[in-house]
Amino acid sequence: MEGASTRQLKVASQIKRDMAEIIRSRGMAAFDGALVSVSGVKMSPDLSQAKVYVSIFPSGKSSAVMEIIAAQTRAMRGELGRRVGKQLRIVPELIFFLDDSLDYVEHIEELLKK
């Protein structure tokens, strides 16, 4: 992440750990039996927004799982607030993005096999 301050990177890393734990604690059943992992977090310069990148396996459930995540964003932000409330003045708004780099890798591997 070019141009990101040390503080942005530290906060992003903390939020990545916390979001991974929050998602893991909900269990696969909460996400339609899919495995959801946090692959990265990027913070806005003022730390008010966190772009949370998630990868979903199997990828066929991606759109359904992204809808579930969207419906749970407020609750997850509240849980994040309880975890980082001491360190951060404001709990960042969470914006979830699908990280489909795994699909890309799979696609490249399939092409290489041909």
PDB file of N, CA and C in Angstrom:
ATOM      1  N   MET A   1       0.848  -1.187   0.000  1.00  0.00           N
ATOM      2  CA  MET A   1       0.000   0.000   0.000  1.00  0.00           C
ATOM      3  C   MET A   1       0.884   1.237   0.000  1.00  0.00           C
ATOM      4  N   GLU A   2       1.058   1.820  -1.159  1.00  0.00           N
ATOM      5  CA  GLU A   2       1.946   2.971  -1.274  1.00  0.00           C
ATOM      6  C   GLU A   2       1.344   4.203  -0.617  1.00  0.00           C
ATOM      7  N   GLY A   3       2.210   4.984   0.012  1.00  0.00           N
ATOM      8  CA  GLY A   3       1.779   6.237   0.588  1.00  0.00           C
ATOM      9  C   GLY A   3       1.007   6.109   1.900  1.00  0.00           C
ATOM     10  N   ALA A   4       0.824   4.894   2.366  1.00  0.00           N
ATOM     11  CA  ALA A   4       0.097   4.710   3.615  1.00  0.00           C
ATOM     12  C   ALA A   4       1.021   5.006   4.785  1.00  0.00           C
ATOM     13  N   SER A   5       0.486   5.697   5.761  1.00  0.00           N
ATOM     14  CA  SER A   5       1.292   6.020   6.930  1.00  0.00           C
ATOM     15  C   SER A   5       1.492   4.776   7.786  1.00  0.00           C
ATOM     16  N   THR A   6       2.493   4.844   8.654  1.00  0.00           N
ATOM     17  CA  THR A   6       2.758   3.738   9.567  1.00  0.00           C
ATOM     18  C   THR A   6       1.514   3.465  10.409  1.00  0.00           C
ATOM     19  N   ARG A   7       0.854   4.530  10.840  1.00  0.00           N
ATOM     20  CA  ARG A   7      -0.358   4.384  11.652  1.00  0.00           C
ATOM     21  C   ARG A   7      -1.447   3.646  10.866  1.00  0.00           C
ATOM     22  N   GLN A   8      -1.642   4.023   9.598  1.00  0.00           N
ATOM     23  CA  GLN A   8      -2.637   3.342   8.764  1.00  0.00           C
ATOM     24  C   GLN A   8      -2.333   1.851   8.677  1.00  0.00           C
ATOM     25  N   LEU A   9      -1.059   1.530   8.464  1.00  0.00           N
ATOM     26  CA  LEU A   9      -0.666   0.128   8.320  1.00  0.00           C
ATOM     27  C   LEU A   9      -0.872  -0.641   9.627  1.00  0.00           C
ATOM     28  N   LYS A  10      -0.532   0.008  10.750  1.00  0.00           N
ATOM     29  CA  LYS A  10      -0.712  -0.647  12.053  1.00  0.00           C
ATOM     30  C   LYS A  10      -2.186  -0.903  12.335  1.00  0.00           C
ATOM     31  N   VAL A  11      -3.013   0.113  12.092  1.00  0.00           N
ATOM     32  CA  VAL A  11      -4.452  -0.018  12.328  1.00  0.00           C
ATOM     33  C   VAL A  11      -5.033  -1.082  11.396  1.00  0.00           C
ATOM     34  N   ALA A  12      -4.611  -1.075  10.125  1.00  0.00           N
ATOM     35  CA  ALA A  12      -5.101  -2.055   9.159  1.00  0.00           C
ATOM     36  C   ALA A  12      -4.759  -3.473   9.620  1.00  0.00           C
ATOM     37  N   SER A  13      -3.549  -3.652  10.106  1.00  0.00           N
ATOM     38  CA  SER A  13      -3.120  -4.975  10.552  1.00  0.00           C
ATOM     39  C   SER A  13      -3.920  -5.420  11.783  1.00  0.00           C
ATOM     40  N   GLN A  14      -4.162  -4.493  12.702  1.00  0.00           N
ATOM     41  CA  GLN A  14      -4.965  -4.806  13.896  1.00  0.00           C
ATOM     42  C   GLN A  14      -6.390  -5.184  13.496  1.00  0.00           C
ATOM     43  N   ILE A  15      -6.988  -4.408  12.604  1.00  0.00           N
ATOM     44  CA  ILE A  15      -8.368  -4.663  12.183  1.00  0.00           C
ATOM     45  C   ILE A  15      -8.451  -5.971  11.411  1.00  0.00           C
ATOM     46  N   LYS A  16      -7.425  -6.275  10.620  1.00  0.00           N
ATOM     47  CA  LYS A  16      -7.406  -7.552   9.896  1.00  0.00           C
ATOM     48  C   LYS A  16      -7.462  -8.716  10.892  1.00  0.00           C
ATOM     49  N   ARG A  17      -6.628  -8.641  11.936  1.00  0.00           N
ATOM     50  CA  ARG A  17      -6.621  -9.710  12.962  1.00  0.00           C
ATOM     51  C   ARG A  17      -7.985  -9.804  13.651  1.00  0.00           C
ATOM     52  N   ASP A  18      -8.518  -8.649  14.055  1.00  0.00           N
ATOM     53  CA  ASP A  18      -9.794  -8.642  14.778  1.00  0.00           C
ATOM     54  C   ASP A  18     -10.944  -9.135  13.900  1.00  0.00           C
ATOM     55  N   MET A  19     -10.986  -8.683  12.643  1.00  0.00           N
ATOM     56  CA  MET A  19     -12.072  -9.111  11.746  1.00  0.00           C
ATOM     57  C   MET A  19     -11.970 -10.604  11.459  1.00  0.00           C
ATOM     58  N   ALA A  20     -10.748 -11.110  11.315  1.00  0.00           N
ATOM     59  CA  ALA A  20     -10.564 -12.547  11.091  1.00  0.00           C
ATOM     60  C   ALA A  20     -11.121 -13.328  12.281  1.00  0.00           C
ATOM     61  N   GLU A  21     -10.858 -12.842  13.468  1.00  0.00           N
ATOM     62  CA  GLU A  21     -11.337 -13.494  14.685  1.00  0.00           C
ATOM     63  C   GLU A  21     -12.858 -13.404  14.793  1.00  0.00           C
ATOM     64  N   ILE A  22     -13.416 -12.237  14.477  1.00  0.00           N
ATOM     65  CA  ILE A  22     -14.871 -12.034  14.537  1.00  0.00           C
ATOM     66  C   ILE A  22     -15.568 -12.986  13.560  1.00  0.00           C
ATOM     67  N   ILE A  23     -15.041 -13.069  12.336  1.00  0.00           N
ATOM     68  CA  ILE A  23     -15.643 -13.939  11.325  1.00  0.00           C
ATOM     69  C   ILE A  23     -15.476 -15.402  11.718  1.00  0.00           C
ATOM     70  N   ARG A  24     -14.288 -15.768  12.212  1.00  0.00           N
ATOM     71  CA  ARG A  24     -14.030 -17.148  12.623  1.00  0.00           C
ATOM     72  C   ARG A  24     -14.960 -17.553  13.774  1.00  0.00           C
ATOM     73  N   SER A  25     -15.178 -16.628  14.698  1.00  0.00           N
ATOM     74  CA  SER A  25     -16.000 -16.943  15.870  1.00  0.00           C
ATOM     75  C   SER A  25     -17.467 -17.186  15.503  1.00  0.00           C
ATOM     76  N   ARG A  26     -17.904 -16.646  14.376  1.00  0.00           N
ATOM     77  CA  ARG A  26     -19.288 -16.862  13.935  1.00  0.00           C
ATOM     78  C   ARG A  26     -19.469 -18.246  13.340  1.00  0.00           C
ATOM     79  N   GLY A  27     -18.384 -18.824  12.865  1.00  0.00           N
ATOM     80  CA  GLY A  27     -18.441 -20.183  12.337  1.00  0.00           C
ATOM     81  C   GLY A  27     -18.929 -20.236  10.900  1.00  0.00           C
ATOM     82  N   MET A  28     -18.607 -21.341  10.237  1.00  0.00           N
ATOM     83  CA  MET A  28     -18.968 -21.498   8.829  1.00  0.00           C
ATOM     84  C   MET A  28     -20.479 -21.534   8.621  1.00  0.00           C
ATOM     85  N   ALA A  29     -21.211 -22.026   9.609  1.00  0.00           N
ATOM     86  CA  ALA A  29     -22.664 -22.128   9.476  1.00  0.00           C
ATOM     87  C   ALA A  29     -23.293 -20.746   9.248  1.00  0.00           C
ATOM     88  N   ALA A  30     -22.705 -19.717   9.853  1.00  0.00           N
ATOM     89  CA  ALA A  30     -23.233 -18.360   9.710  1.00  0.00           C
ATOM     90  C   ALA A  30     -23.076 -17.848   8.280  1.00  0.00           C
ATOM     91  N   PHE A  31     -22.164 -18.466   7.527  1.00  0.00           N
ATOM     92  CA  PHE A  31     -21.887 -18.018   6.159  1.00  0.00           C
ATOM     93  C   PHE A  31     -22.238 -19.102   5.147  1.00  0.00           C
ATOM     94  N   ASP A  32     -23.390 -19.755   5.350  1.00  0.00           N
ATOM     95  CA  ASP A  32     -23.895 -20.721   4.391  1.00  0.00           C
ATOM     96  C   ASP A  32     -22.906 -21.873   4.173  1.00  0.00           C
ATOM     97  N   GLY A  33     -22.157 -22.218   5.215  1.00  0.00           N
ATOM     98  CA  GLY A  33     -21.215 -23.333   5.126  1.00  0.00           C
ATOM     99  C   GLY A  33     -19.935 -23.011   4.380  1.00  0.00           C
ATOM    100  N   ALA A  34     -19.732 -21.747   4.022  1.00  0.00           N
ATOM    101  CA  ALA A  34     -18.518 -21.368   3.292  1.00  0.00           C
ATOM    102  C   ALA A  34     -17.416 -20.976   4.270  1.00  0.00           C
ATOM    103  N   LEU A  35     -16.192 -21.145   3.836  1.00  0.00           N
ATOM    104  CA  LEU A  35     -15.039 -20.717   4.613  1.00  0.00           C
ATOM    105  C   LEU A  35     -14.716 -19.282   4.202  1.00  0.00           C
ATOM    106  N   VAL A  36     -14.774 -18.354   5.157  1.00  0.00           N
ATOM    107  CA  VAL A  36     -14.520 -16.940   4.864  1.00  0.00           C
ATOM    108  C   VAL A  36     -13.241 -16.539   5.578  1.00  0.00           C
ATOM    109  N   SER A  37     -12.290 -15.993   4.829  1.00  0.00           N
ATOM    110  CA  SER A  37     -11.073 -15.514   5.478  1.00  0.00           C
ATOM    111  C   SER A  37     -10.785 -14.083   5.041  1.00  0.00           C
ATOM    112  N   VAL A  38     -10.191 -13.335   5.959  1.00  0.00           N
ATOM    113  CA  VAL A  38      -9.861 -11.938   5.679  1.00  0.00           C
ATOM    114  C   VAL A  38      -8.479 -11.923   5.046  1.00  0.00           C
ATOM    115  N   SER A  39      -8.412 -11.489   3.787  1.00  0.00           N
ATOM    116  CA  SER A  39      -7.124 -11.530   3.089  1.00  0.00           C
ATOM    117  C   SER A  39      -6.378 -10.202   3.189  1.00  0.00           C
ATOM    118  N   GLY A  40      -7.077  -9.129   3.533  1.00  0.00           N
ATOM    119  CA  GLY A  40      -6.398  -7.845   3.662  1.00  0.00           C
ATOM    120  C   GLY A  40      -7.331  -6.755   4.131  1.00  0.00           C
ATOM    121  N   VAL A  41      -6.747  -5.690   4.659  1.00  0.00           N
ATOM    122  CA  VAL A  41      -7.522  -4.521   5.089  1.00  0.00           C
ATOM    123  C   VAL A  41      -6.747  -3.285   4.661  1.00  0.00           C
ATOM    124  N   LYS A  42      -7.449  -2.330   4.063  1.00  0.00           N
ATOM    125  CA  LYS A  42      -6.829  -1.047   3.715  1.00  0.00           C
ATOM    126  C   LYS A  42      -7.599   0.049   4.427  1.00  0.00           C
ATOM    127  N   MET A  43      -6.877   0.920   5.108  1.00  0.00           N
ATOM    128  CA  MET A  43      -7.489   2.009   5.863  1.00  0.00           C
ATOM    129  C   MET A  43      -7.467   3.296   5.051  1.00  0.00           C
ATOM    130  N   SER A  44      -8.527   4.100   5.209  1.00  0.00           N
ATOM    131  CA  SER A  44      -8.516   5.430   4.594  1.00  0.00           C
ATOM    132  C   SER A  44      -7.531   6.291   5.399  1.00  0.00           C
ATOM    133  N   PRO A  45      -7.001   7.371   4.796  1.00  0.00           N
ATOM    134  CA  PRO A  45      -6.013   8.200   5.497  1.00  0.00           C
ATOM    135  C   PRO A  45      -6.486   8.718   6.859  1.00  0.00           C
ATOM    136  N   ASP A  46      -7.788   9.012   6.991  1.00  0.00           N
ATOM    137  CA  ASP A  46      -8.294   9.522   8.282  1.00  0.00           C
ATOM    138  C   ASP A  46      -8.760   8.389   9.201  1.00  0.00           C
ATOM    139  N   LEU A  47      -8.538   7.144   8.790  1.00  0.00           N
ATOM    140  CA  LEU A  47      -8.884   5.949   9.576  1.00  0.00           C
ATOM    141  C   LEU A  47     -10.383   5.787   9.816  1.00  0.00           C
ATOM    142  N   SER A  48     -11.213   6.478   9.017  1.00  0.00           N
ATOM    143  CA  SER A  48     -12.656   6.392   9.234  1.00  0.00           C
ATOM    144  C   SER A  48     -13.285   5.234   8.463  1.00  0.00           C
ATOM    145  N   GLN A  49     -12.552   4.697   7.489  1.00  0.00           N
ATOM    146  CA  GLN A  49     -13.075   3.592   6.692  1.00  0.00           C
ATOM    147  C   GLN A  49     -12.049   2.481   6.595  1.00  0.00           C
ATOM    148  N   ALA A  50     -12.537   1.260   6.707  1.00  0.00           N
ATOM    149  CA  ALA A  50     -11.683   0.093   6.507  1.00  0.00           C
ATOM    150  C   ALA A  50     -12.257  -0.707   5.356  1.00  0.00           C
ATOM    151  N   LYS A  51     -11.454  -0.890   4.309  1.00  0.00           N
ATOM    152  CA  LYS A  51     -11.855  -1.768   3.219  1.00  0.00           C
ATOM    153  C   LYS A  51     -11.356  -3.151   3.591  1.00  0.00           C
ATOM    154  N   VAL A  52     -12.304  -4.056   3.821  1.00  0.00           N
ATOM    155  CA  VAL A  52     -11.969  -5.399   4.276  1.00  0.00           C
ATOM    156  C   VAL A  52     -12.120  -6.353   3.089  1.00  0.00           C
ATOM    157  N   TYR A  53     -11.018  -6.994   2.716  1.00  0.00           N
ATOM    158  CA  TYR A  53     -11.034  -7.931   1.592  1.00  0.00           C
ATOM    159  C   TYR A  53     -11.181  -9.348   2.139  1.00  0.00           C
ATOM    160  N   VAL A  54     -12.192 -10.053   1.657  1.00  0.00           N
ATOM    161  CA  VAL A  54     -12.432 -11.417   2.130  1.00  0.00           C
ATOM    162  C   VAL A  54     -12.357 -12.392   0.957  1.00  0.00           C
ATOM    163  N   SER A  55     -11.798 -13.570   1.240  1.00  0.00           N
ATOM    164  CA  SER A  55     -11.853 -14.623   0.228  1.00  0.00           C
ATOM    165  C   SER A  55     -12.816 -15.684   0.747  1.00  0.00           C
ATOM    166  N   ILE A  56     -13.540 -16.269  -0.180  1.00  0.00           N
ATOM    167  CA  ILE A  56     -14.621 -17.199   0.162  1.00  0.00           C
ATOM    168  C   ILE A  56     -14.387 -18.508  -0.575  1.00  0.00           C
ATOM    169  N   PHE A  57     -14.452 -19.602   0.196  1.00  0.00           N
ATOM    170  CA  PHE A  57     -14.307 -20.927  -0.410  1.00  0.00           C
ATOM    171  C   PHE A  57     -15.490 -21.781   0.007  1.00  0.00           C
ATOM    172  N   PRO A  58     -16.185 -22.454  -0.860  1.00  0.00           N
ATOM    173  CA  PRO A  58     -15.975 -22.456  -2.306  1.00  0.00           C
ATOM    174  C   PRO A  58     -16.463 -21.159  -2.945  1.00  0.00           C
ATOM    175  N   SER A  59     -15.810 -20.770  -4.032  1.00  0.00           N
ATOM    176  CA  SER A  59     -16.106 -19.469  -4.645  1.00  0.00           C
ATOM    177  C   SER A  59     -17.519 -19.411  -5.230  1.00  0.00           C
ATOM    178  N   GLY A  60     -18.131 -20.561  -5.460  1.00  0.00           N
ATOM    179  CA  GLY A  60     -19.496 -20.590  -5.979  1.00  0.00           C
ATOM    180  C   GLY A  60     -20.497 -19.948  -5.036  1.00  0.00           C
ATOM    181  N   LYS A  61     -20.143 -19.863  -3.758  1.00  0.00           N
ATOM    182  CA  LYS A  61     -21.052 -19.267  -2.767  1.00  0.00           C
ATOM    183  C   LYS A  61     -20.774 -17.792  -2.536  1.00  0.00           C
ATOM    184  N   SER A  62     -19.841 -17.231  -3.295  1.00  0.00           N
ATOM    185  CA  SER A  62     -19.384 -15.856  -3.054  1.00  0.00           C
ATOM    186  C   SER A  62     -20.502 -14.833  -2.952  1.00  0.00           C
ATOM    187  N   SER A  63     -21.416 -14.813  -3.941  1.00  0.00           N
ATOM    188  CA  SER A  63     -22.432 -13.753  -3.918  1.00  0.00           C
ATOM    189  C   SER A  63     -23.383 -13.924  -2.740  1.00  0.00           C
ATOM    190  N   ALA A  64     -23.762 -15.162  -2.430  1.00  0.00           N
ATOM    191  CA  ALA A  64     -24.644 -15.402  -1.278  1.00  0.00           C
ATOM    192  C   ALA A  64     -23.956 -14.991   0.021  1.00  0.00           C
ATOM    193  N   VAL A  65     -22.680 -15.338   0.147  1.00  0.00           N
ATOM    194  CA  VAL A  65     -21.939 -15.015   1.372  1.00  0.00           C
ATOM    195  C   VAL A  65     -21.720 -13.508   1.493  1.00  0.00           C
ATOM    196  N   MET A  66     -21.466 -12.832   0.379  1.00  0.00           N
ATOM    197  CA  MET A  66     -21.289 -11.373   0.433  1.00  0.00           C
ATOM    198  C   MET A  66     -22.583 -10.695   0.897  1.00  0.00           C
ATOM    199  N   GLU A  67     -23.735 -11.256   0.523  1.00  0.00           N
ATOM    200  CA  GLU A  67     -25.018 -10.711   0.993  1.00  0.00           C
ATOM    201  C   GLU A  67     -25.164 -10.918   2.502  1.00  0.00           C
ATOM    202  N   ILE A  68     -24.754 -12.102   2.979  1.00  0.00           N
ATOM    203  CA  ILE A  68     -24.818 -12.390   4.421  1.00  0.00           C
ATOM    204  C   ILE A  68     -23.910 -11.409   5.164  1.00  0.00           C
ATOM    205  N   ILE A  69     -22.709 -11.213   4.642  1.00  0.00           N
ATOM    206  CA  ILE A  69     -21.756 -10.284   5.273  1.00  0.00           C
ATOM    207  C   ILE A  69     -22.335  -8.876   5.297  1.00  0.00           C
ATOM    208  N   ALA A  70     -22.939  -8.458   4.173  1.00  0.00           N
ATOM    209  CA  ALA A  70     -23.534  -7.114   4.111  1.00  0.00           C
ATOM    210  C   ALA A  70     -24.604  -6.953   5.182  1.00  0.00           C
ATOM    211  N   ALA A  71     -25.408  -8.002   5.384  1.00  0.00           N
ATOM    212  CA  ALA A  71     -26.482  -7.945   6.381  1.00  0.00           C
ATOM    213  C   ALA A  71     -25.919  -7.899   7.800  1.00  0.00           C
ATOM    214  N   GLN A  72     -24.699  -8.422   7.988  1.00  0.00           N
ATOM    215  CA  GLN A  72     -24.113  -8.481   9.337  1.00  0.00           C
ATOM    216  C   GLN A  72     -23.077  -7.394   9.607  1.00  0.00           C
ATOM    217  N   THR A  73     -22.884  -6.499   8.635  1.00  0.00           N
ATOM    218  CA  THR A  73     -21.830  -5.493   8.763  1.00  0.00           C
ATOM    219  C   THR A  73     -21.975  -4.653  10.025  1.00  0.00           C
ATOM    220  N   ARG A  74     -23.202  -4.201  10.314  1.00  0.00           N
ATOM    221  CA  ARG A  74     -23.393  -3.362  11.514  1.00  0.00           C
ATOM    222  C   ARG A  74     -23.021  -4.106  12.785  1.00  0.00           C
ATOM    223  N   ALA A  75     -23.469  -5.357  12.893  1.00  0.00           N
ATOM    224  CA  ALA A  75     -23.165  -6.153  14.084  1.00  0.00           C
ATOM    225  C   ALA A  75     -21.657  -6.388  14.203  1.00  0.00           C
ATOM    226  N   MET A  76     -21.015  -6.655  13.062  1.00  0.00           N
ATOM    227  CA  MET A  76     -19.562  -6.894  13.092  1.00  0.00           C
ATOM    228  C   MET A  76     -18.812  -5.619  13.460  1.00  0.00           C
ATOM    229  N   ARG A  77     -19.310  -4.472  12.993  1.00  0.00           N
ATOM    230  CA  ARG A  77     -18.666  -3.199  13.340  1.00  0.00           C
ATOM    231  C   ARG A  77     -18.791  -2.955  14.851  1.00  0.00           C
ATOM    232  N   GLY A  78     -19.971  -3.301  15.396  1.00  0.00           N
ATOM    233  CA  GLY A  78     -20.170  -3.157  16.841  1.00  0.00           C
ATOM    234  C   GLY A  78     -19.203  -4.031  17.628  1.00  0.00           C
ATOM    235  N   GLU A  79     -19.023  -5.259  17.149  1.00  0.00           N
ATOM    236  CA  GLU A  79     -18.096  -6.181  17.804  1.00  0.00           C
ATOM    237  C   GLU A  79     -16.659  -5.669  17.682  1.00  0.00           C
ATOM    238  N   LEU A  80     -16.329  -5.128  16.513  1.00  0.00           N
ATOM    239  CA  LEU A  80     -15.000  -4.558  16.298  1.00  0.00           C
ATOM    240  C   LEU A  80     -14.789  -3.386  17.260  1.00  0.00           C
ATOM    241  N   GLY A  81     -15.847  -2.582  17.444  1.00  0.00           N
ATOM    242  CA  GLY A  81     -15.768  -1.438  18.350  1.00  0.00           C
ATOM    243  C   GLY A  81     -15.432  -1.853  19.772  1.00  0.00           C
ATOM    244  N   ARG A  82     -16.013  -2.981  20.205  1.00  0.00           N
ATOM    245  CA  ARG A  82     -15.710  -3.462  21.558  1.00  0.00           C
ATOM    246  C   ARG A  82     -14.257  -3.918  21.662  1.00  0.00           C
ATOM    247  N   ARG A  83     -13.690  -4.384  20.545  1.00  0.00           N
ATOM    248  CA  ARG A  83     -12.303  -4.862  20.560  1.00  0.00           C
ATOM    249  C   ARG A  83     -11.283  -3.729  20.444  1.00  0.00           C
ATOM    250  N   VAL A  84     -11.574  -2.719  19.600  1.00  0.00           N
ATOM    251  CA  VAL A  84     -10.572  -1.673  19.346  1.00  0.00           C
ATOM    252  C   VAL A  84     -10.934  -0.339  19.986  1.00  0.00           C
ATOM    253  N   GLY A  85     -12.029  -0.312  20.715  1.00  0.00           N
ATOM    254  CA  GLY A  85     -12.495   0.938  21.317  1.00  0.00           C
ATOM    255  C   GLY A  85     -11.448   1.665  22.136  1.00  0.00           C
ATOM    256  N   LYS A  86     -10.567   0.906  22.769  1.00  0.00           N
ATOM    257  CA  LYS A  86      -9.538   1.526  23.602  1.00  0.00           C
ATOM    258  C   LYS A  86      -8.435   2.164  22.742  1.00  0.00           C
ATOM    259  N   GLN A  87      -8.170   1.558  21.558  1.00  0.00           N
ATOM    260  CA  GLN A  87      -7.065   2.051  20.737  1.00  0.00           C
ATOM    261  C   GLN A  87      -7.482   3.122  19.726  1.00  0.00           C
ATOM    262  N   LEU A  88      -8.742   3.049  19.262  1.00  0.00           N
ATOM    263  CA  LEU A  88      -9.158   3.974  18.199  1.00  0.00           C
ATOM    264  C   LEU A  88     -10.241   4.927  18.688  1.00  0.00           C
ATOM    265  N   ARG A  89     -10.117   6.173  18.268  1.00  0.00           N
ATOM    266  CA  ARG A  89     -11.099   7.182  18.653  1.00  0.00           C
ATOM    267  C   ARG A  89     -12.447   6.886  17.987  1.00  0.00           C
ATOM    268  N   ILE A  90     -12.400   6.541  16.697  1.00  0.00           N
ATOM    269  CA  ILE A  90     -13.638   6.175  16.010  1.00  0.00           C
ATOM    270  C   ILE A  90     -13.493   4.767  15.450  1.00  0.00           C
ATOM    271  N   VAL A  91     -14.564   4.017  15.501  1.00  0.00           N
ATOM    272  CA  VAL A  91     -14.557   2.683  14.908  1.00  0.00           C
ATOM    273  C   VAL A  91     -14.808   2.897  13.422  1.00  0.00           C
ATOM    274  N   PRO A  92     -13.909   2.408  12.584  1.00  0.00           N
ATOM    275  CA  PRO A  92     -14.063   2.670  11.151  1.00  0.00           C
ATOM    276  C   PRO A  92     -15.299   2.002  10.559  1.00  0.00           C
ATOM    277  N   GLU A  93     -15.836   2.634   9.538  1.00  0.00           N
ATOM    278  CA  GLU A  93     -16.923   2.043   8.771  1.00  0.00           C
ATOM    279  C   GLU A  93     -16.314   0.881   7.988  1.00  0.00           C
ATOM    280  N   LEU A  94     -16.990  -0.256   7.985  1.00  0.00           N
ATOM    281  CA  LEU A  94     -16.460  -1.433   7.290  1.00  0.00           C
ATOM    282  C   LEU A  94     -17.076  -1.542   5.899  1.00  0.00           C
ATOM    283  N   ILE A  95     -16.227  -1.679   4.908  1.00  0.00           N
ATOM    284  CA  ILE A  95     -16.698  -1.895   3.541  1.00  0.00           C
ATOM    285  C   ILE A  95     -16.055  -3.196   3.074  1.00  0.00           C
ATOM    286  N   PHE A  96     -16.892  -4.171   2.751  1.00  0.00           N
ATOM    287  CA  PHE A  96     -16.366  -5.485   2.382  1.00  0.00           C
ATOM    288  C   PHE A  96     -16.232  -5.628   0.874  1.00  0.00           C
ATOM    289  N   PHE A  97     -15.117  -6.220   0.470  1.00  0.00           N
ATOM    290  CA  PHE A  97     -14.861  -6.503  -0.940  1.00  0.00           C
ATOM    291  C   PHE A  97     -14.490  -7.970  -1.071  1.00  0.00           C
ATOM    292  N   LEU A  98     -14.894  -8.563  -2.178  1.00  0.00           N
ATOM    293  CA  LEU A  98     -14.547  -9.940  -2.448  1.00  0.00           C
ATOM    294  C   LEU A  98     -13.141  -9.971  -3.035  1.00  0.00           C
ATOM    295  N   ASP A  99     -12.257 -10.739  -2.427  1.00  0.00           N
ATOM    296  CA  ASP A  99     -10.911 -10.927  -2.956  1.00  0.00           C
ATOM    297  C   ASP A  99     -10.952 -12.201  -3.788  1.00  0.00           C
ATOM    298  N   ASP A 100     -10.971 -12.032  -5.095  1.00  0.00           N
ATOM    299  CA  ASP A 100     -11.071 -13.220  -5.933  1.00  0.00           C
ATOM    300  C   ASP A 100      -9.720 -13.611  -6.517  1.00  0.00           C
ATOM    301  N   SER A 101      -8.640 -13.221  -5.857  1.00  0.00           N
ATOM    302  CA  SER A 101      -7.312 -13.569  -6.364  1.00  0.00           C
ATOM    303  C   SER A 101      -7.097 -15.082  -6.364  1.00  0.00           C
ATOM    304  N   LEU A 102      -7.754 -15.797  -5.443  1.00  0.00           N
ATOM    305  CA  LEU A 102      -7.633 -17.262  -5.431  1.00  0.00           C
ATOM    306  C   LEU A 102      -8.249 -17.855  -6.695  1.00  0.00           C
ATOM    307  N   ASP A 103      -9.395 -17.291  -7.119  1.00  0.00           N
ATOM    308  CA  ASP A 103     -10.026 -17.749  -8.362  1.00  0.00           C
ATOM    309  C   ASP A 103      -9.081 -17.501  -9.531  1.00  0.00           C
ATOM    310  N   TYR A 104      -8.413 -16.365  -9.496  1.00  0.00           N
ATOM    311  CA  TYR A 104      -7.485 -15.992 -10.553  1.00  0.00           C
ATOM    312  C   TYR A 104      -6.335 -17.005 -10.615  1.00  0.00           C
ATOM    313  N   VAL A 105      -5.780 -17.338  -9.444  1.00  0.00           N
ATOM    314  CA  VAL A 105      -4.690 -18.313  -9.360  1.00  0.00           C
ATOM    315  C   VAL A 105      -5.155 -19.663  -9.907  1.00  0.00           C
ATOM    316  N   GLU A 106      -6.359 -20.077  -9.492  1.00  0.00           N
ATOM    317  CA  GLU A 106      -6.939 -21.336  -9.974  1.00  0.00           C
ATOM    318  C   GLU A 106      -7.060 -21.318 -11.497  1.00  0.00           C
ATOM    319  N   HIS A 107      -7.556 -20.200 -12.030  1.00  0.00           N
ATOM    320  CA  HIS A 107      -7.747 -20.049 -13.468  1.00  0.00           C
ATOM    321  C   HIS A 107      -6.405 -20.173 -14.200  1.00  0.00           C
ATOM    322  N   ILE A 108      -5.365 -19.500 -13.682  1.00  0.00           N
ATOM    323  CA  ILE A 108      -4.032 -19.541 -14.286  1.00  0.00           C
ATOM    324  C   ILE A 108      -3.504 -20.988 -14.261  1.00  0.00           C
ATOM    325  N   GLU A 109      -3.696 -21.674 -13.114  1.00  0.00           N
ATOM    326  CA  GLU A 109      -3.223 -23.066 -13.008  1.00  0.00           C
ATOM    327  C   GLU A 109      -3.926 -23.955 -14.054  1.00  0.00           C
ATOM    328  N   GLU A 110      -5.221 -23.735 -14.229  1.00  0.00           N
ATOM    329  CA  GLU A 110      -5.965 -24.516 -15.230  1.00  0.00           C
ATOM    330  C   GLU A 110      -5.409 -24.256 -16.630  1.00  0.00           C
ATOM    331  N   LEU A 111      -5.114 -22.976 -16.909  1.00  0.00           N
ATOM    332  CA  LEU A 111      -4.563 -22.629 -18.217  1.00  0.00           C
ATOM    333  C   LEU A 111      -3.188 -23.269 -18.434  1.00  0.00           C
ATOM    334  N   LEU A 112      -2.397 -23.294 -17.369  1.00  0.00           N
ATOM    335  CA  LEU A 112      -1.044 -23.866 -17.463  1.00  0.00           C
ATOM    336  C   LEU A 112      -1.103 -25.379 -17.696  1.00  0.00           C
ATOM    337  N   LYS A 113      -2.127 -26.027 -17.141  1.00  0.00           N
ATOM    338  CA  LYS A 113      -2.269 -27.484 -17.315  1.00  0.00           C
ATOM    339  C   LYS A 113      -2.587 -27.855 -18.767  1.00  0.00           C
ATOM    340  N   LYS A 114      -3.256 -26.931 -19.479  1.00  0.00           N
ATOM    341  CA  LYS A 114      -3.711 -27.232 -20.855  1.00  0.00           C
ATOM    342  C   LYS A 114      -2.573 -27.304 -21.860  1.00  0.00           C
TER     343      LYS A 114
END
